[in-house]
C-alpha atoms as a PDB file:
ATOM      1  CA  MET A   1       0.172  -0.252   0.182  1.00  0.00           C
ATOM      2  CA  ALA A   2       1.527   3.440  -0.620  1.00  0.00           C
ATOM      3  CA  ARG A   3       2.044   6.148   1.884  1.00  0.00           C
ATOM      4  CA  ILE A   4      -0.735   7.966   2.701  1.00  0.00           C
ATOM      5  CA  GLY A   5      -0.498  11.643   3.599  1.00  0.00           C
ATOM      6  CA  VAL A   6      -1.109  13.498   6.708  1.00  0.00           C
ATOM      7  CA  ASP A   7      -4.300  15.579   4.732  1.00  0.00           C
ATOM      8  CA  ARG A   8      -5.713  12.380   4.237  1.00  0.00           C
ATOM      9  CA  PRO A   9      -6.386  10.702   7.683  1.00  0.00           C
ATOM     10  CA  GLY A  10      -9.907   9.412   6.893  1.00  0.00           C
ATOM     11  CA  LEU A  11      -8.744   7.244   4.000  1.00  0.00           C
ATOM     12  CA  TRP A  12      -6.438   5.459   6.380  1.00  0.00           C
ATOM     13  CA  ARG A  13      -8.729   5.158   9.096  1.00  0.00           C
ATOM     14  CA  LEU A  14     -11.318   3.638   6.287  1.00  0.00           C
ATOM     15  CA  ASP A  15      -8.785   0.757   4.727  1.00  0.00           C
ATOM     16  CA  HIS A  16      -7.589  -0.075   8.216  1.00  0.00           C
ATOM     17  CA  ALA A  17     -11.429  -0.038   9.857  1.00  0.00           C
ATOM     18  CA  LEU A  18     -11.884  -3.937   9.160  1.00  0.00           C
ATOM     19  CA  PRO A  19      -9.428  -5.337  11.319  1.00  0.00           C
ATOM     20  CA  ALA A  20      -9.684  -2.245  13.781  1.00  0.00           C
ATOM     21  CA  ALA A  21     -12.833  -3.907  14.600  1.00  0.00           C
ATOM     22  CA  GLY A  22     -12.217  -7.241  14.425  1.00  0.00           C
ATOM     23  CA  LEU A  23      -9.435  -6.694  17.067  1.00  0.00           C
ATOM     24  CA  GLY A  24     -12.207  -4.685  19.201  1.00  0.00           C
ATOM     25  CA  LEU A  25     -14.672  -7.556  18.872  1.00  0.00           C
ATOM     26  CA  VAL A  26     -12.499 -10.074  19.666  1.00  0.00           C
ATOM     27  CA  ALA A  27     -11.463  -8.209  23.070  1.00  0.00           C
ATOM     28  CA  LEU A  28     -15.259  -7.590  23.591  1.00  0.00           C
ATOM     29  CA  GLY A  29     -16.079 -12.028  22.346  1.00  0.00           C
ATOM     30  CA  VAL A  30     -13.235 -12.427  24.673  1.00  0.00           C
ATOM     31  CA  THR A  31     -14.258 -10.380  28.220  1.00  0.00           C
ATOM     32  CA  VAL A  32     -18.090  -9.482  27.869  1.00  0.00           C
ATOM     33  CA  TRP A  33     -20.232 -11.133  25.084  1.00  0.00           C
ATOM     34  CA  PRO A  34     -18.666 -14.083  23.463  1.00  0.00           C
ATOM     35  CA  PRO A  35     -20.821 -14.312  20.262  1.00  0.00           C
ATOM     36  CA  ALA A  36     -18.673 -11.188  19.530  1.00  0.00           C
ATOM     37  CA  GLN A  37     -15.930 -13.112  17.587  1.00  0.00           C
ATOM     38  CA  ALA A  38     -18.201 -14.402  15.399  1.00  0.00           C
ATOM     39  CA  LEU A  39     -18.526 -11.106  14.165  1.00  0.00           C
ATOM     40  CA  ALA A  40     -14.568 -10.553  14.678  1.00  0.00           C
ATOM     41  CA  TRP A  41     -13.545 -13.189  12.269  1.00  0.00           C
ATOM     42  CA  ALA A  42     -16.235 -11.747   9.803  1.00  0.00           C
ATOM     43  CA  ALA A  43     -14.490  -8.466  10.091  1.00  0.00           C
ATOM     44  CA  PHE A  44     -10.869  -9.781   9.703  1.00  0.00           C
ATOM     45  CA  GLY A  45     -12.416 -12.094   6.933  1.00  0.00           C
ATOM     46  CA  LEU A  46     -13.582  -9.205   4.667  1.00  0.00           C
ATOM     47  CA  GLY A  47     -10.501  -7.255   5.456  1.00  0.00           C
ATOM     48  CA  PHE A  48      -8.289  -9.895   4.254  1.00  0.00           C
ATOM     49  CA  PHE A  49     -10.553 -10.631   0.950  1.00  0.00           C
ATOM     50  CA  GLY A  50     -10.818  -6.825   0.099  1.00  0.00           C
ATOM     51  CA  TRP A  51      -7.228  -7.007   0.495  1.00  0.00           C
ATOM     52  CA  VAL A  52      -6.445 -10.288  -1.507  1.00  0.00           C
ATOM     53  CA  ALA A  53      -9.027  -8.336  -4.278  1.00  0.00           C
ATOM     54  CA  GLU A  54      -6.989  -4.960  -4.720  1.00  0.00           C
ATOM     55  CA  ALA A  55      -3.862  -7.493  -4.396  1.00  0.00           C
ATOM     56  CA  ASP A  56      -5.305  -9.143  -7.669  1.00  0.00           C
ATOM     57  CA  GLY A  57      -6.126  -5.829  -9.317  1.00  0.00           C
ATOM     58  CA  PHE A  58     -10.205  -5.711  -8.900  1.00  0.00           C
ATOM     59  CA  ALA A  59     -10.766  -2.249  -7.648  1.00  0.00           C
ATOM     60  CA  LEU A  60     -13.401  -1.842  -4.629  1.00  0.00           C
ATOM     61  CA  PRO A  61     -15.813   0.753  -4.194  1.00  0.00           C
ATOM     62  CA  ARG A  62     -14.370   3.393  -2.109  1.00  0.00           C
ATOM     63  CA  ARG A  63     -16.468   6.842  -1.504  1.00  0.00           C
ATOM     64  CA  GLY A  64     -14.906   9.253  -3.160  1.00  0.00           C
ATOM     65  CA  TRP A  65     -12.349   7.961  -5.540  1.00  0.00           C
ATOM     66  CA  VAL A  66     -12.641   6.192  -9.244  1.00  0.00           C
ATOM     67  CA  PRO A  67     -10.789   3.177 -10.148  1.00  0.00           C
ATOM     68  CA  ILE A  68      -8.381   4.356 -12.993  1.00  0.00           C
ATOM     69  CA  ARG A  69      -5.749   2.064 -15.246  1.00  0.00           C
ATOM     70  CA  THR A  70      -2.599   3.411 -15.385  1.00  0.00           C
ATOM     71  CA  TYR A  71       0.537   3.636 -17.468  1.00  0.00           C
ATOM     72  CA  GLY A  72       4.013   4.280 -15.090  1.00  0.00           C
ATOM     73  CA  CYS A  73       4.165   3.045 -11.707  1.00  0.00           C
ATOM     74  CA  TRP A  74       5.031   6.526  -9.814  1.00  0.00           C
ATOM     75  CA  GLU A  75       2.903   8.286  -7.711  1.00  0.00           C
ATOM     76  CA  THR A  76       2.193  10.606 -10.257  1.00  0.00           C
ATOM     77  CA  PRO A  77       1.323   7.848 -13.820  1.00  0.00           C
ATOM     78  CA  LEU A  78       2.158   9.350 -16.953  1.00  0.00           C
ATOM     79  CA  ALA A  79      -1.164   7.978 -18.736  1.00  0.00           C
ATOM     80  CA  PHE A  80      -4.324   6.750 -17.524  1.00  0.00           C
ATOM     81  CA  THR A  81      -7.636   6.015 -18.374  1.00  0.00           C
ATOM     82  CA  VAL A  82     -10.742   6.188 -16.593  1.00  0.00           C
ATOM     83  CA  ARG A  83     -14.788   5.792 -17.046  1.00  0.00           C
ATOM     84  CA  HIS A  84     -16.327   8.450 -15.744  1.00  0.00           C
ATOM     85  CA  ARG A  85     -20.486   9.541 -16.439  1.00  0.00           C
ATOM     86  CA  GLY A  86     -20.722   6.889 -19.583  1.00  0.00           C
ATOM     87  CA  THR A  87     -17.264   8.294 -21.248  1.00  0.00           C
ATOM     88  CA  LEU A  88     -13.842   6.570 -20.817  1.00  0.00           C
ATOM     89  CA  TRP A  89     -10.880   9.356 -20.456  1.00  0.00           C
ATOM     90  CA  LEU A  90      -7.703   9.380 -21.712  1.00  0.00           C
ATOM     91  CA  PHE A  91      -4.975  11.497 -19.392  1.00  0.00           C
ATOM     92  CA  SER A  92      -1.446  11.133 -21.238  1.00  0.00           C
ATOM     93  CA  ARG A  93       1.661  13.001 -20.370  1.00  0.00           C
ATOM     94  CA  LYS A  94       4.475  13.268 -23.127  1.00  0.00           C
ATOM     95  CA  GLU A  95       8.357  14.267 -22.306  1.00  0.00           C
ATOM     96  CA  ASP A  96       9.381  17.807 -21.626  1.00  0.00           C
ATOM     97  CA  PRO A  97      12.320  18.488 -24.356  1.00  0.00           C
ATOM     98  CA  ASP A  98      12.875  21.722 -22.980  1.00  0.00           C
ATOM     99  CA  ARG A  99      13.070  21.176 -19.387  1.00  0.00           C
ATOM    100  CA  GLY A 100      13.961  17.643 -19.199  1.00  0.00           C
ATOM    101  CA  GLY A 101      11.640  15.171 -17.627  1.00  0.00           C
ATOM    102  CA  TRP A 102       7.734  14.620 -18.539  1.00  0.00           C
ATOM    103  CA  SER A 103       5.320  17.741 -18.835  1.00  0.00           C
ATOM    104  CA  ASN A 104       3.389  19.499 -16.185  1.00  0.00           C
ATOM    105  CA  GLU A 105      -0.040  18.863 -18.316  1.00  0.00           C
ATOM    106  CA  TYR A 106      -2.143  15.723 -19.046  1.00  0.00           C
ATOM    107  CA  VAL A 107      -3.416  15.867 -22.232  1.00  0.00           C
ATOM    108  CA  VAL A 108      -6.814  14.772 -22.295  1.00  0.00           C
ATOM    109  CA  ARG A 109      -8.634  12.596 -24.873  1.00  0.00           C
ATOM    110  CA  GLU A 110     -12.585  11.466 -24.651  1.00  0.00           C
ATOM    111  CA  ARG A 111     -14.112   8.469 -26.460  1.00  0.00           C
ATOM    112  CA  ALA A 112     -17.849   8.328 -25.935  1.00  0.00           C
ATOM    113  CA  ASP A 113     -18.496   5.002 -26.831  1.00  0.00           C
ATOM    114  CA  GLY A 114     -16.319   4.027 -24.006  1.00  0.00           C
ATOM    115  CA  ALA A 115     -14.488   1.495 -25.962  1.00  0.00           C
ATOM    116  CA  PHE A 116     -11.680  -0.126 -23.741  1.00  0.00           C
ATOM    117  CA  LEU A 117      -8.409   0.911 -23.745  1.00  0.00           C
ATOM    118  CA  ASP A 118      -5.231  -0.007 -22.106  1.00  0.00           C
ATOM    119  CA  PRO A 119      -2.707   2.475 -21.792  1.00  0.00           C
ATOM    120  CA  ARG A 120      -0.054  -0.141 -20.683  1.00  0.00           C
ATOM    121  CA  SER A 121       0.101  -1.714 -23.962  1.00  0.00           C
ATOM    122  CA  GLU A 122      -2.057   0.828 -26.721  1.00  0.00           C
ATOM    123  CA  LEU A 123      -0.016   3.832 -26.319  1.00  0.00           C
ATOM    124  CA  PRO A 124       0.857   6.016 -28.705  1.00  0.00           C
ATOM    125  CA  LEU A 125      -2.704   6.021 -29.987  1.00  0.00           C
ATOM    126  CA  ALA A 126      -2.822   5.006 -34.112  1.00  0.00           C
ATOM    127  CA  PRO A 127      -4.141   7.929 -36.176  1.00  0.00           C
ATOM    128  CA  GLY A 128      -7.936   7.261 -36.292  1.00  0.00           C
ATOM    129  CA  SER A 129      -8.291   5.384 -32.967  1.00  0.00           C
ATOM    130  CA  GLY A 130     -11.380   7.450 -32.184  1.00  0.00           C
ATOM    131  CA  TRP A 131     -10.161   9.756 -29.265  1.00  0.00           C
ATOM    132  CA  SER A 132     -11.485  13.134 -29.196  1.00  0.00           C
ATOM    133  CA  LEU A 133      -8.702  15.484 -27.935  1.00  0.00           C
ATOM    134  CA  ARG A 134     -10.458  17.867 -25.496  1.00  0.00           C
ATOM    135  CA  GLY A 135      -7.900  19.993 -23.694  1.00  0.00           C
ATOM    136  CA  ARG A 136      -5.306  19.957 -21.205  1.00  0.00           C
ATOM    137  CA  ALA A 137      -5.558  19.312 -17.504  1.00  0.00           C
ATOM    138  CA  PRO A 138      -2.281  20.230 -15.124  1.00  0.00           C
ATOM    139  CA  VAL A 139      -0.817  17.407 -13.050  1.00  0.00           C
ATOM    140  CA  VAL A 140      -1.251  19.426  -9.997  1.00  0.00           C
ATOM    141  CA  ASP A 141      -4.844  19.439  -9.992  1.00  0.00           C
ATOM    142  CA  LEU A 142      -4.943  15.408  -9.524  1.00  0.00           C
ATOM    143  CA  ARG A 143      -5.255  13.556  -6.791  1.00  0.00           C
ATOM    144  CA  PHE A 144      -4.174   9.087  -7.066  1.00  0.00           C
ATOM    145  CA  GLU A 145      -3.789   6.723  -4.175  1.00  0.00           C
ATOM    146  CA  HIS A 146      -2.308   3.646  -4.936  1.00  0.00           C
ATOM    147  CA  HIS A 147      -3.328   0.132  -3.019  1.00  0.00           C
ATOM    148  CA  GLU A 148      -1.609  -2.944  -4.208  1.00  0.00           C
ATOM    149  CA  ARG A 149      -1.933  -3.498  -7.757  1.00  0.00           C
ATOM    150  CA  VAL A 150      -4.997  -0.895  -8.449  1.00  0.00           C
ATOM    151  CA  SER A 151      -4.761   2.764  -8.480  1.00  0.00           C
ATOM    152  CA  TYR A 152      -7.493   5.484  -8.082  1.00  0.00           C
ATOM    153  CA  VAL A 153      -7.988   9.259  -8.581  1.00  0.00           C
ATOM    154  CA  SER A 154     -10.008  11.419  -6.012  1.00  0.00           C
ATOM    155  CA  ARG A 155     -13.605  11.558  -7.680  1.00  0.00           C
ATOM    156  CA  GLY A 156     -13.461  15.519  -6.956  1.00  0.00           C
ATOM    157  CA  SER A 157     -10.202  16.260  -8.341  1.00  0.00           C
ATOM    158  CA  LEU A 158     -10.954  14.403 -11.835  1.00  0.00           C
ATOM    159  CA  GLU A 159     -14.704  16.593 -12.292  1.00  0.00           C
ATOM    160  CA  SER A 160     -13.001  19.939 -11.300  1.00  0.00           C
ATOM    161  CA  ALA A 161     -10.233  18.845 -13.696  1.00  0.00           C
ATOM    162  CA  LEU A 162     -11.854  17.886 -16.044  1.00  0.00           C
ATOM    163  CA  ALA A 163     -14.207  20.980 -15.878  1.00  0.00           C
ATOM    164  CA  ARG A 164     -11.208  22.954 -16.469  1.00  0.00           C
ATOM    165  CA  THR A 165      -9.761  21.556 -19.185  1.00  0.00           C
ATOM    166  CA  ASP A 166      -8.459  24.185 -21.013  1.00  0.00           C
ATOM    167  CA  PRO A 167      -9.410  24.179 -24.655  1.00  0.00           C
ATOM    168  CA  VAL A 168      -6.569  23.486 -26.940  1.00  0.00           C
ATOM    169  CA  PRO A 169      -6.770  25.254 -29.763  1.00  0.00           C
ATOM    170  CA  ARG A 170      -7.978  23.814 -32.994  1.00  0.00           C
ATOM    171  CA  PRO A 171      -5.550  24.223 -36.374  1.00  0.00           C
ATOM    172  CA  LEU A 172      -7.780  26.108 -39.155  1.00  0.00           C
ATOM    173  CA  SER A 173      -9.084  24.057 -41.708  1.00  0.00           C
ATOM    174  CA  ALA A 174      -7.537  24.339 -45.659  1.00  0.00           C
ATOM    175  CA  GLY A 175      -9.455  27.513 -47.391  1.00  0.00           C
ATOM    176  CA  ALA A 176     -10.637  28.984 -44.078  1.00  0.00           C
ATOM    177  CA  GLY A 177     -10.219  32.450 -43.969  1.00  0.00           C
ATOM    178  CA  GLY A 178      -8.339  34.098 -40.928  1.00  0.00           C
END
């Protein structure tokens, strides 16, 4: 599991709620109410199966977080796809030849038909791939969380990044005046 910063203690508590509840119920079952031990083992089992699911790459529903498929295994992915409101979105960064390293902006593309794309094997996009250019979004606007083999983006940061995408200037078509 990735480090969770001090700014997100609620997510840390959520991730550890089932094991903590299991420990509390074991203590309750040993001292006061023996049937609580059955609930303790159920809490331990659910926590374990949730961990196994994420270790196998299955995204669990998390309040306020949307699962993403990433390319690049750093805290901030080089590219990722996300399904949001019936549309498949592709966020990708390019190399910055002037400064070196990666760009500070994601190029945002959308595909309304929602056809699947795995950024790990299908980037760069082929011409005529069906992706329409939506704009650009600053990398710092998005918050990511990584658990085992699953990554998430904060729903609030995703929605605000999509709302603030700078429209990419489109080239003038041939024969257009101006």
